[in-house]
Amino acid sequence: ELEALLAVVDRCSDRDRAVLVIDDLHYADELTLAFLNELRDSDLPRTVILSAGTGEAPRTARTVSLPPLTSDQVRALIASMCGATDAPPSLVAAVESRAAGSPFVVAKLLREAVRVGALDRDRAGSWVLKDPLLSSVSLPSTVTGLADHRLAEVGGAATEALEWAVVLGYGAEEELLARRADADAVDQLVAARILAFDERGRLSFASPTLVEVVHERIPAE
């Protein structure tokens, strides 16, 4: 199968341009990863590989990190999805606080808000936010699945420390983890992109989405 995939690239590369698009690379199986790593350097001038998601890039890849959306960009995205010229500030604030600048999460939260009736049209056709905090809107499985994928990369000790930090001190993760977790556990959490360094150089959760998912996954006593 691997040889057949490489032969397809060879045939496509004989043309002037060939574009190979790989989406959700973090879900790639062993065959896909082996295929990407077997691509020769001579294939690359005429083959562009576009990957989306997280995870270790193949050896031939050039990594491009995309910054989170700004508040203005979140507002523009929401307005565009709602077919409007602008979005209500309360809706933008509610979505932004949970999406952390991820366009994927923004879109999923907005669709879920409409589905459950937290965001609806009035008789004039204007969008009305009926749940100002979006507390009735759960994260869709497509979003929680990505978070679960990251959480599965860490061991039991790191997960236990993470749950402790979520319950007792969201916003003070560095101090709490220093008391509860060893250096190896913290390194695992950073490597899995569950924790990240903020602009002050302090450890914090990489996304509020992860906080929600970790909190929901804690077994009830």
C-alpha atoms as a PDB file:
ATOM      1  CA  GLU A   1       0.000   0.000   0.000  1.00  0.00           C
ATOM      2  CA  LEU A   2       2.844   2.384   0.859  1.00  0.00           C
ATOM      3  CA  GLU A   3       4.511   1.783  -2.498  1.00  0.00           C
ATOM      4  CA  ALA A   4       1.213   2.421  -4.293  1.00  0.00           C
ATOM      5  CA  LEU A   5       0.770   5.778  -2.535  1.00  0.00           C
ATOM      6  CA  LEU A   6       4.306   6.840  -3.407  1.00  0.00           C
ATOM      7  CA  ALA A   7       3.740   5.822  -7.018  1.00  0.00           C
ATOM      8  CA  VAL A   8       0.678   8.104  -7.149  1.00  0.00           C
ATOM      9  CA  VAL A   9       2.810  11.032  -5.948  1.00  0.00           C
ATOM     10  CA  ASP A  10       5.423  10.218  -8.569  1.00  0.00           C
ATOM     11  CA  ARG A  11       2.823  10.334 -11.341  1.00  0.00           C
ATOM     12  CA  CYS A  12       1.248  13.545 -10.034  1.00  0.00           C
ATOM     13  CA  SER A  13       4.654  15.183  -9.633  1.00  0.00           C
ATOM     14  CA  ASP A  14       5.287  14.781 -13.364  1.00  0.00           C
ATOM     15  CA  ARG A  15       2.770  17.587 -13.876  1.00  0.00           C
ATOM     16  CA  ASP A  16       3.569  21.274 -13.440  1.00  0.00           C
ATOM     17  CA  ARG A  17       1.874  21.455 -10.051  1.00  0.00           C
ATOM     18  CA  ALA A  18       0.611  18.860  -7.600  1.00  0.00           C
ATOM     19  CA  VAL A  19      -0.996  19.707  -4.264  1.00  0.00           C
ATOM     20  CA  LEU A  20      -1.452  17.060  -1.593  1.00  0.00           C
ATOM     21  CA  VAL A  21      -3.762  18.125   1.256  1.00  0.00           C
ATOM     22  CA  ILE A  22      -3.639  16.301   4.594  1.00  0.00           C
ATOM     23  CA  ASP A  23      -6.215  17.365   7.155  1.00  0.00           C
ATOM     24  CA  ASP A  24      -6.317  16.396  10.852  1.00  0.00           C
ATOM     25  CA  LEU A  25      -2.784  15.036  10.802  1.00  0.00           C
ATOM     26  CA  HIS A  26      -3.028  14.305  14.542  1.00  0.00           C
ATOM     27  CA  TYR A  27      -5.445  11.468  13.665  1.00  0.00           C
ATOM     28  CA  ALA A  28      -3.151   9.963  11.027  1.00  0.00           C
ATOM     29  CA  ASP A  29      -2.551   6.220  11.106  1.00  0.00           C
ATOM     30  CA  GLU A  30       0.850   4.534  10.796  1.00  0.00           C
ATOM     31  CA  LEU A  31       0.522   4.105   7.028  1.00  0.00           C
ATOM     32  CA  THR A  32      -0.153   7.815   6.474  1.00  0.00           C
ATOM     33  CA  LEU A  33       2.777   8.863   8.667  1.00  0.00           C
ATOM     34  CA  ALA A  34       5.092   6.389   6.966  1.00  0.00           C
ATOM     35  CA  PHE A  35       3.958   7.694   3.578  1.00  0.00           C
ATOM     36  CA  LEU A  36       4.687  11.313   4.529  1.00  0.00           C
ATOM     37  CA  ASN A  37       8.114  10.443   5.896  1.00  0.00           C
ATOM     38  CA  GLU A  38       8.995   8.468   2.755  1.00  0.00           C
ATOM     39  CA  LEU A  39       8.429  11.422   0.429  1.00  0.00           C
ATOM     40  CA  ARG A  40      11.694  12.372  -1.196  1.00  0.00           C
ATOM     41  CA  ASP A  41      13.066  15.896  -1.188  1.00  0.00           C
ATOM     42  CA  SER A  42      12.788  15.816  -4.976  1.00  0.00           C
ATOM     43  CA  ASP A  43       9.010  15.442  -4.610  1.00  0.00           C
ATOM     44  CA  LEU A  44       8.626  18.638  -2.622  1.00  0.00           C
ATOM     45  CA  PRO A  45       9.236  21.387  -5.231  1.00  0.00           C
ATOM     46  CA  ARG A  46       6.075  20.282  -7.020  1.00  0.00           C
ATOM     47  CA  THR A  47       4.139  18.881  -4.065  1.00  0.00           C
ATOM     48  CA  VAL A  48       2.695  21.089  -1.332  1.00  0.00           C
ATOM     49  CA  ILE A  49       1.530  19.343   1.828  1.00  0.00           C
ATOM     50  CA  LEU A  50      -1.002  21.241   3.909  1.00  0.00           C
ATOM     51  CA  SER A  51      -1.675  19.797   7.356  1.00  0.00           C
ATOM     52  CA  ALA A  52      -4.136  20.921   9.994  1.00  0.00           C
ATOM     53  CA  GLY A  53      -4.204  20.021  13.651  1.00  0.00           C
ATOM     54  CA  THR A  54      -1.587  19.246  16.255  1.00  0.00           C
ATOM     55  CA  GLY A  55       1.143  16.683  16.622  1.00  0.00           C
ATOM     56  CA  GLU A  56       4.657  16.027  15.425  1.00  0.00           C
ATOM     57  CA  ALA A  57       5.226  17.073  11.835  1.00  0.00           C
ATOM     58  CA  PRO A  58       6.879  14.723   9.328  1.00  0.00           C
ATOM     59  CA  ARG A  59      10.555  15.328   8.629  1.00  0.00           C
ATOM     60  CA  THR A  60       9.886  17.060   5.308  1.00  0.00           C
ATOM     61  CA  ALA A  61       7.404  19.560   6.726  1.00  0.00           C
ATOM     62  CA  ARG A  62       7.900  23.228   7.436  1.00  0.00           C
ATOM     63  CA  THR A  63       5.866  24.137  10.499  1.00  0.00           C
ATOM     64  CA  VAL A  64       3.735  27.282  10.411  1.00  0.00           C
ATOM     65  CA  SER A  65       2.126  28.280  13.706  1.00  0.00           C
ATOM     66  CA  LEU A  66      -1.114  30.230  13.460  1.00  0.00           C
ATOM     67  CA  PRO A  67      -1.870  32.710  16.258  1.00  0.00           C
ATOM     68  CA  PRO A  68      -5.306  32.719  17.931  1.00  0.00           C
ATOM     69  CA  LEU A  69      -7.982  34.957  16.476  1.00  0.00           C
ATOM     70  CA  THR A  70      -8.159  38.442  17.954  1.00  0.00           C
ATOM     71  CA  SER A  71     -11.390  39.810  19.416  1.00  0.00           C
ATOM     72  CA  ASP A  72     -12.067  41.697  16.196  1.00  0.00           C
ATOM     73  CA  GLN A  73     -11.519  38.551  14.142  1.00  0.00           C
ATOM     74  CA  VAL A  74     -13.826  36.520  16.407  1.00  0.00           C
ATOM     75  CA  ARG A  75     -16.498  39.201  15.993  1.00  0.00           C
ATOM     76  CA  ALA A  76     -16.050  39.212  12.220  1.00  0.00           C
ATOM     77  CA  LEU A  77     -16.292  35.414  12.050  1.00  0.00           C
ATOM     78  CA  ILE A  78     -19.468  35.355  14.156  1.00  0.00           C
ATOM     79  CA  ALA A  79     -21.019  38.143  12.092  1.00  0.00           C
ATOM     80  CA  SER A  80     -20.190  36.304   8.875  1.00  0.00           C
ATOM     81  CA  MET A  81     -21.716  33.053  10.128  1.00  0.00           C
ATOM     82  CA  CYS A  82     -24.846  34.918  11.230  1.00  0.00           C
ATOM     83  CA  GLY A  83     -25.140  36.724   7.911  1.00  0.00           C
ATOM     84  CA  ALA A  84     -24.782  40.110   9.591  1.00  0.00           C
ATOM     85  CA  THR A  85     -22.452  43.082   9.375  1.00  0.00           C
ATOM     86  CA  ASP A  86     -21.611  42.905  13.077  1.00  0.00           C
ATOM     87  CA  ALA A  87     -22.145  40.651  16.106  1.00  0.00           C
ATOM     88  CA  PRO A  88     -23.574  41.565  19.528  1.00  0.00           C
ATOM     89  CA  PRO A  89     -20.755  42.306  22.000  1.00  0.00           C
ATOM     90  CA  SER A  90     -22.301  39.964  24.584  1.00  0.00           C
ATOM     91  CA  LEU A  91     -22.244  37.072  22.114  1.00  0.00           C
ATOM     92  CA  VAL A  92     -18.665  37.812  21.099  1.00  0.00           C
ATOM     93  CA  ALA A  93     -17.553  37.933  24.747  1.00  0.00           C
ATOM     94  CA  ALA A  94     -19.341  34.679  25.639  1.00  0.00           C
ATOM     95  CA  VAL A  95     -17.902  32.779  22.677  1.00  0.00           C
ATOM     96  CA  GLU A  96     -14.423  34.262  23.002  1.00  0.00           C
ATOM     97  CA  SER A  97     -14.149  33.309  26.691  1.00  0.00           C
ATOM     98  CA  ARG A  98     -14.597  29.635  25.785  1.00  0.00           C
ATOM     99  CA  ALA A  99     -12.994  29.442  22.357  1.00  0.00           C
ATOM    100  CA  ALA A 100      -9.640  31.093  23.175  1.00  0.00           C
ATOM    101  CA  GLY A 101      -9.267  32.331  19.621  1.00  0.00           C
ATOM    102  CA  SER A 102      -9.782  28.974  17.908  1.00  0.00           C
ATOM    103  CA  PRO A 103     -11.898  29.467  14.758  1.00  0.00           C
ATOM    104  CA  PHE A 104     -12.875  25.789  14.904  1.00  0.00           C
ATOM    105  CA  VAL A 105     -14.280  26.140  18.434  1.00  0.00           C
ATOM    106  CA  VAL A 106     -15.927  29.489  17.619  1.00  0.00           C
ATOM    107  CA  ALA A 107     -17.838  27.901  14.747  1.00  0.00           C
ATOM    108  CA  LYS A 108     -18.823  24.807  16.715  1.00  0.00           C
ATOM    109  CA  LEU A 109     -20.011  26.799  19.737  1.00  0.00           C
ATOM    110  CA  LEU A 110     -22.068  29.106  17.546  1.00  0.00           C
ATOM    111  CA  ARG A 111     -23.772  26.220  15.765  1.00  0.00           C
ATOM    112  CA  GLU A 112     -24.446  24.482  19.091  1.00  0.00           C
ATOM    113  CA  ALA A 113     -25.904  27.694  20.554  1.00  0.00           C
ATOM    114  CA  VAL A 114     -28.361  27.876  17.661  1.00  0.00           C
ATOM    115  CA  ARG A 115     -29.189  24.181  17.952  1.00  0.00           C
ATOM    116  CA  VAL A 116     -30.133  24.368  21.651  1.00  0.00           C
ATOM    117  CA  GLY A 117     -31.939  27.715  21.297  1.00  0.00           C
ATOM    118  CA  ALA A 118     -29.447  29.804  23.260  1.00  0.00           C
ATOM    119  CA  LEU A 119     -29.087  31.949  20.141  1.00  0.00           C
ATOM    120  CA  ASP A 120     -32.234  32.566  18.115  1.00  0.00           C
ATOM    121  CA  ARG A 121     -33.880  35.068  15.814  1.00  0.00           C
ATOM    122  CA  ASP A 122     -36.617  37.417  16.954  1.00  0.00           C
ATOM    123  CA  ARG A 123     -39.670  38.300  14.863  1.00  0.00           C
ATOM    124  CA  ALA A 124     -37.682  40.973  13.046  1.00  0.00           C
ATOM    125  CA  GLY A 125     -35.076  38.421  12.033  1.00  0.00           C
ATOM    126  CA  SER A 126     -32.333  39.771  14.333  1.00  0.00           C
ATOM    127  CA  TRP A 127     -30.210  37.366  16.335  1.00  0.00           C
ATOM    128  CA  VAL A 128     -30.944  37.390  20.076  1.00  0.00           C
ATOM    129  CA  LEU A 129     -28.700  35.814  22.712  1.00  0.00           C
ATOM    130  CA  LYS A 130     -31.076  34.186  25.205  1.00  0.00           C
ATOM    131  CA  ASP A 131     -28.322  32.725  27.377  1.00  0.00           C
ATOM    132  CA  PRO A 132     -25.762  35.517  27.978  1.00  0.00           C
ATOM    133  CA  LEU A 133     -23.085  33.169  29.341  1.00  0.00           C
ATOM    134  CA  LEU A 134     -23.862  30.274  26.985  1.00  0.00           C
ATOM    135  CA  SER A 135     -24.109  28.104  30.097  1.00  0.00           C
ATOM    136  CA  SER A 136     -26.673  25.884  28.369  1.00  0.00           C
ATOM    137  CA  VAL A 137     -24.287  25.230  25.480  1.00  0.00           C
ATOM    138  CA  SER A 138     -22.124  22.155  25.890  1.00  0.00           C
ATOM    139  CA  LEU A 139     -18.967  21.669  23.902  1.00  0.00           C
ATOM    140  CA  PRO A 140     -19.733  19.523  20.837  1.00  0.00           C
ATOM    141  CA  SER A 141     -18.127  16.087  20.639  1.00  0.00           C
ATOM    142  CA  THR A 142     -15.959  17.241  17.734  1.00  0.00           C
ATOM    143  CA  VAL A 143     -14.320  19.718  20.128  1.00  0.00           C
ATOM    144  CA  THR A 144     -14.100  17.501  23.212  1.00  0.00           C
ATOM    145  CA  GLY A 145     -12.648  14.732  21.058  1.00  0.00           C
ATOM    146  CA  LEU A 146      -9.625  16.889  20.219  1.00  0.00           C
ATOM    147  CA  ALA A 147      -9.125  17.678  23.906  1.00  0.00           C
ATOM    148  CA  ASP A 148      -9.463  14.005  24.851  1.00  0.00           C
ATOM    149  CA  HIS A 149      -6.836  13.178  22.239  1.00  0.00           C
ATOM    150  CA  ARG A 150      -4.352  15.442  24.026  1.00  0.00           C
ATOM    151  CA  LEU A 151      -5.301  14.154  27.480  1.00  0.00           C
ATOM    152  CA  ALA A 152      -4.710  10.576  26.333  1.00  0.00           C
ATOM    153  CA  GLU A 153      -1.055  11.433  25.730  1.00  0.00           C
ATOM    154  CA  VAL A 154      -0.256  11.930  29.436  1.00  0.00           C
ATOM    155  CA  GLY A 155       0.154   9.446  32.250  1.00  0.00           C
ATOM    156  CA  GLY A 156      -1.945   8.874  35.355  1.00  0.00           C
ATOM    157  CA  ALA A 157       0.141  11.052  37.687  1.00  0.00           C
ATOM    158  CA  ALA A 158      -0.028  14.006  35.311  1.00  0.00           C
ATOM    159  CA  THR A 159      -3.779  13.570  34.820  1.00  0.00           C
ATOM    160  CA  GLU A 160      -4.400  13.428  38.571  1.00  0.00           C
ATOM    161  CA  ALA A 161      -2.411  16.616  39.128  1.00  0.00           C
ATOM    162  CA  LEU A 162      -4.252  18.303  36.291  1.00  0.00           C
ATOM    163  CA  GLU A 163      -7.653  17.422  37.754  1.00  0.00           C
ATOM    164  CA  TRP A 164      -6.536  18.822  41.110  1.00  0.00           C
ATOM    165  CA  ALA A 165      -5.469  22.092  39.503  1.00  0.00           C
ATOM    166  CA  VAL A 166      -8.750  22.425  37.570  1.00  0.00           C
ATOM    167  CA  VAL A 167     -10.927  21.997  40.652  1.00  0.00           C
ATOM    168  CA  LEU A 168      -8.925  24.081  43.101  1.00  0.00           C
ATOM    169  CA  GLY A 169      -7.210  26.779  41.170  1.00  0.00           C
ATOM    170  CA  TYR A 170      -7.883  27.581  37.529  1.00  0.00           C
ATOM    171  CA  GLY A 171      -5.672  30.631  37.070  1.00  0.00           C
ATOM    172  CA  ALA A 172      -3.047  29.444  39.562  1.00  0.00           C
ATOM    173  CA  GLU A 173      -1.969  26.268  37.803  1.00  0.00           C
ATOM    174  CA  GLU A 174       1.769  26.809  38.179  1.00  0.00           C
ATOM    175  CA  GLU A 175       1.715  27.015  41.983  1.00  0.00           C
ATOM    176  CA  LEU A 176      -0.715  24.120  42.389  1.00  0.00           C
ATOM    177  CA  LEU A 177       1.090  21.828  39.962  1.00  0.00           C
ATOM    178  CA  ALA A 178       4.405  22.585  41.663  1.00  0.00           C
ATOM    179  CA  ARG A 179       2.932  21.187  44.881  1.00  0.00           C
ATOM    180  CA  ARG A 180       1.148  18.212  43.338  1.00  0.00           C
ATOM    181  CA  ALA A 181       3.160  17.060  40.315  1.00  0.00           C
ATOM    182  CA  ASP A 182       6.798  16.210  39.682  1.00  0.00           C
ATOM    183  CA  ALA A 183       8.838  17.726  36.864  1.00  0.00           C
ATOM    184  CA  ASP A 184       8.250  14.744  34.548  1.00  0.00           C
ATOM    185  CA  ALA A 185       4.469  15.094  34.884  1.00  0.00           C
ATOM    186  CA  VAL A 186       4.625  18.810  34.100  1.00  0.00           C
ATOM    187  CA  ASP A 187       6.871  18.127  31.098  1.00  0.00           C
ATOM    188  CA  GLN A 188       4.289  15.623  29.823  1.00  0.00           C
ATOM    189  CA  LEU A 189       1.519  18.207  30.116  1.00  0.00           C
ATOM    190  CA  VAL A 190       3.557  20.822  28.231  1.00  0.00           C
ATOM    191  CA  ALA A 191       4.603  18.346  25.522  1.00  0.00           C
ATOM    192  CA  ALA A 192       0.936  17.355  25.021  1.00  0.00           C
ATOM    193  CA  ARG A 193       0.043  21.057  24.663  1.00  0.00           C
ATOM    194  CA  ILE A 194      -2.299  20.883  27.653  1.00  0.00           C
ATOM    195  CA  LEU A 195      -0.225  23.452  29.511  1.00  0.00           C
ATOM    196  CA  ALA A 196       1.562  26.369  27.887  1.00  0.00           C
ATOM    197  CA  PHE A 197       3.574  29.382  28.979  1.00  0.00           C
ATOM    198  CA  ASP A 198       1.609  32.627  28.906  1.00  0.00           C
ATOM    199  CA  GLU A 199       2.948  36.056  28.019  1.00  0.00           C
ATOM    200  CA  ARG A 200       4.383  36.393  31.546  1.00  0.00           C
ATOM    201  CA  GLY A 201       6.237  33.109  31.264  1.00  0.00           C
ATOM    202  CA  ARG A 202       3.904  31.314  33.670  1.00  0.00           C
ATOM    203  CA  LEU A 203       2.355  27.907  33.115  1.00  0.00           C
ATOM    204  CA  SER A 204      -1.373  27.871  32.466  1.00  0.00           C
ATOM    205  CA  PHE A 205      -3.920  25.791  30.624  1.00  0.00           C
ATOM    206  CA  ALA A 206      -3.443  26.124  26.884  1.00  0.00           C
ATOM    207  CA  SER A 207      -7.161  26.588  26.340  1.00  0.00           C
ATOM    208  CA  PRO A 208     -10.343  27.039  28.399  1.00  0.00           C
ATOM    209  CA  THR A 209     -11.718  24.156  26.332  1.00  0.00           C
ATOM    210  CA  LEU A 210      -9.249  21.848  28.058  1.00  0.00           C
ATOM    211  CA  VAL A 211     -10.384  23.131  31.449  1.00  0.00           C
ATOM    212  CA  GLU A 212     -14.001  22.287  30.623  1.00  0.00           C
ATOM    213  CA  VAL A 213     -13.143  18.820  29.364  1.00  0.00           C
ATOM    214  CA  VAL A 214     -10.874  17.934  32.287  1.00  0.00           C
ATOM    215  CA  HIS A 215     -13.523  19.107  34.748  1.00  0.00           C
ATOM    216  CA  GLU A 216     -16.236  17.067  32.999  1.00  0.00           C
ATOM    217  CA  ARG A 217     -14.043  13.943  32.984  1.00  0.00           C
ATOM    218  CA  ILE A 218     -13.416  13.954  36.749  1.00  0.00           C
ATOM    219  CA  PRO A 219     -15.300  10.948  38.231  1.00  0.00           C
ATOM    220  CA  ALA A 220     -18.126  11.849  40.604  1.00  0.00           C
ATOM    221  CA  GLU A 221     -17.458  10.850  44.201  1.00  0.00           C
END
